[in-house]
């Protein structure tokens, strides 16, 4: 079974970092974390890039969450129904 976690964010880099750290501390790690970013500033992107470098889990940054809603995210490995 593949476990994917979708995290929605908008200009909350501190909260996003806490969320990603928490996900990485779970007893069962997800196979991937998809961060749906609804147009945040550069700080959010910086957090995602920094956390991606240290994460044992693949983190996919999707700009504008509408991409996920339309299932156009080329990188995803999960199914949206």
C-alpha atoms as a PDB file:
ATOM      1  CA  UNK A   1       0.000   0.000   0.000  1.00  0.00           C
ATOM      2  CA  UNK A   2       1.287   3.446  -0.943  1.00  0.00           C
ATOM      3  CA  UNK A   3       0.719   6.243   1.535  1.00  0.00           C
ATOM      4  CA  UNK A   4       0.647   9.781   0.170  1.00  0.00           C
ATOM      5  CA  UNK A   5       0.053  12.836   2.314  1.00  0.00           C
ATOM      6  CA  UNK A   6      -1.250  16.055   0.796  1.00  0.00           C
ATOM      7  CA  UNK A   7      -0.481  19.243   2.722  1.00  0.00           C
ATOM      8  CA  UNK A   8      -2.142  22.489   1.645  1.00  0.00           C
ATOM      9  CA  UNK A   9      -0.323  25.723   2.441  1.00  0.00           C
ATOM     10  CA  UNK A  10      -0.494  29.434   1.848  1.00  0.00           C
ATOM     11  CA  UNK A  11       2.061  31.814   3.394  1.00  0.00           C
ATOM     12  CA  UNK A  12       2.570  29.820   6.597  1.00  0.00           C
ATOM     13  CA  UNK A  13       6.200  28.706   6.323  1.00  0.00           C
ATOM     14  CA  UNK A  14       6.615  28.161  10.081  1.00  0.00           C
ATOM     15  CA  UNK A  15       3.502  25.983  10.300  1.00  0.00           C
ATOM     16  CA  UNK A  16       4.520  24.093   7.151  1.00  0.00           C
ATOM     17  CA  UNK A  17       7.947  23.313   8.587  1.00  0.00           C
ATOM     18  CA  UNK A  18       6.368  21.974  11.802  1.00  0.00           C
ATOM     19  CA  UNK A  19       3.944  19.878   9.758  1.00  0.00           C
ATOM     20  CA  UNK A  20       6.685  18.377   7.578  1.00  0.00           C
ATOM     21  CA  UNK A  21       8.859  17.631  10.610  1.00  0.00           C
ATOM     22  CA  UNK A  22       5.924  15.925  12.295  1.00  0.00           C
ATOM     23  CA  UNK A  23       5.266  13.783   9.225  1.00  0.00           C
ATOM     24  CA  UNK A  24       8.917  12.702   9.192  1.00  0.00           C
ATOM     25  CA  UNK A  25       8.678  11.575  12.822  1.00  0.00           C
ATOM     26  CA  UNK A  26       5.769   9.184  12.346  1.00  0.00           C
ATOM     27  CA  UNK A  27       6.260   5.469  13.018  1.00  0.00           C
ATOM     28  CA  UNK A  28       5.014   4.745   9.477  1.00  0.00           C
ATOM     29  CA  UNK A  29       6.513   7.256   7.068  1.00  0.00           C
ATOM     30  CA  UNK A  30       4.460   8.200   4.038  1.00  0.00           C
ATOM     31  CA  UNK A  31       5.866   7.240   0.658  1.00  0.00           C
ATOM     32  CA  UNK A  32       5.536  10.818  -0.508  1.00  0.00           C
ATOM     33  CA  UNK A  33       4.394  14.221   0.700  1.00  0.00           C
ATOM     34  CA  UNK A  34       2.701  16.506  -1.790  1.00  0.00           C
ATOM     35  CA  UNK A  35       2.668  20.163  -0.762  1.00  0.00           C
ATOM     36  CA  UNK A  36      -0.119  22.016  -2.552  1.00  0.00           C
ATOM     37  CA  UNK A  37       1.009  25.633  -2.479  1.00  0.00           C
ATOM     38  CA  UNK A  38      -1.699  28.151  -3.303  1.00  0.00           C
ATOM     39  CA  UNK A  39       0.635  30.950  -4.348  1.00  0.00           C
ATOM     40  CA  UNK A  40       2.780  31.508  -1.252  1.00  0.00           C
ATOM     41  CA  UNK A  41       5.824  33.769  -1.128  1.00  0.00           C
ATOM     42  CA  UNK A  42       9.458  32.735  -1.379  1.00  0.00           C
ATOM     43  CA  UNK A  43       9.749  31.739   2.294  1.00  0.00           C
ATOM     44  CA  UNK A  44       7.416  28.786   1.769  1.00  0.00           C
ATOM     45  CA  UNK A  45       9.425  27.570  -1.217  1.00  0.00           C
ATOM     46  CA  UNK A  46      12.615  27.905   0.841  1.00  0.00           C
ATOM     47  CA  UNK A  47      11.137  25.717   3.594  1.00  0.00           C
ATOM     48  CA  UNK A  48      10.102  23.054   1.075  1.00  0.00           C
ATOM     49  CA  UNK A  49      13.534  23.032  -0.564  1.00  0.00           C
ATOM     50  CA  UNK A  50      15.350  22.874   2.778  1.00  0.00           C
ATOM     51  CA  UNK A  51      13.137  20.104   4.119  1.00  0.00           C
ATOM     52  CA  UNK A  52      13.443  18.150   0.848  1.00  0.00           C
ATOM     53  CA  UNK A  53      17.216  18.003   1.292  1.00  0.00           C
ATOM     54  CA  UNK A  54      16.968  16.380   4.746  1.00  0.00           C
ATOM     55  CA  UNK A  55      13.786  14.352   4.325  1.00  0.00           C
ATOM     56  CA  UNK A  56      13.833  10.570   4.005  1.00  0.00           C
ATOM     57  CA  UNK A  57      10.493  11.023   2.209  1.00  0.00           C
ATOM     58  CA  UNK A  58      10.005  12.389  -1.299  1.00  0.00           C
ATOM     59  CA  UNK A  59       8.477  15.889  -1.099  1.00  0.00           C
ATOM     60  CA  UNK A  60       6.693  17.175  -4.187  1.00  0.00           C
ATOM     61  CA  UNK A  61       6.005  20.914  -4.381  1.00  0.00           C
ATOM     62  CA  UNK A  62       2.914  21.687  -6.440  1.00  0.00           C
ATOM     63  CA  UNK A  63       2.446  25.379  -7.195  1.00  0.00           C
ATOM     64  CA  UNK A  64      -1.203  26.433  -7.109  1.00  0.00           C
ATOM     65  CA  UNK A  65      -3.324  23.708  -5.522  1.00  0.00           C
ATOM     66  CA  UNK A  66      -5.704  23.731  -8.488  1.00  0.00           C
ATOM     67  CA  UNK A  67      -3.139  21.507 -10.226  1.00  0.00           C
ATOM     68  CA  UNK A  68      -3.959  18.713  -7.796  1.00  0.00           C
ATOM     69  CA  UNK A  69      -7.679  19.235  -8.155  1.00  0.00           C
ATOM     70  CA  UNK A  70      -7.456  18.790 -11.930  1.00  0.00           C
ATOM     71  CA  UNK A  71      -5.103  15.776 -11.632  1.00  0.00           C
ATOM     72  CA  UNK A  72      -2.516  17.409 -13.894  1.00  0.00           C
ATOM     73  CA  UNK A  73       0.389  16.896 -11.528  1.00  0.00           C
ATOM     74  CA  UNK A  74       2.937  14.965 -13.605  1.00  0.00           C
ATOM     75  CA  UNK A  75       5.055  13.962 -10.590  1.00  0.00           C
ATOM     76  CA  UNK A  76       2.330  12.364  -8.502  1.00  0.00           C
ATOM     77  CA  UNK A  77       2.154   8.639  -7.847  1.00  0.00           C
ATOM     78  CA  UNK A  78      -1.224   8.654  -6.129  1.00  0.00           C
ATOM     79  CA  UNK A  79      -4.723   8.587  -7.611  1.00  0.00           C
ATOM     80  CA  UNK A  80      -7.289  11.294  -6.978  1.00  0.00           C
ATOM     81  CA  UNK A  81     -10.924  10.344  -7.265  1.00  0.00           C
END
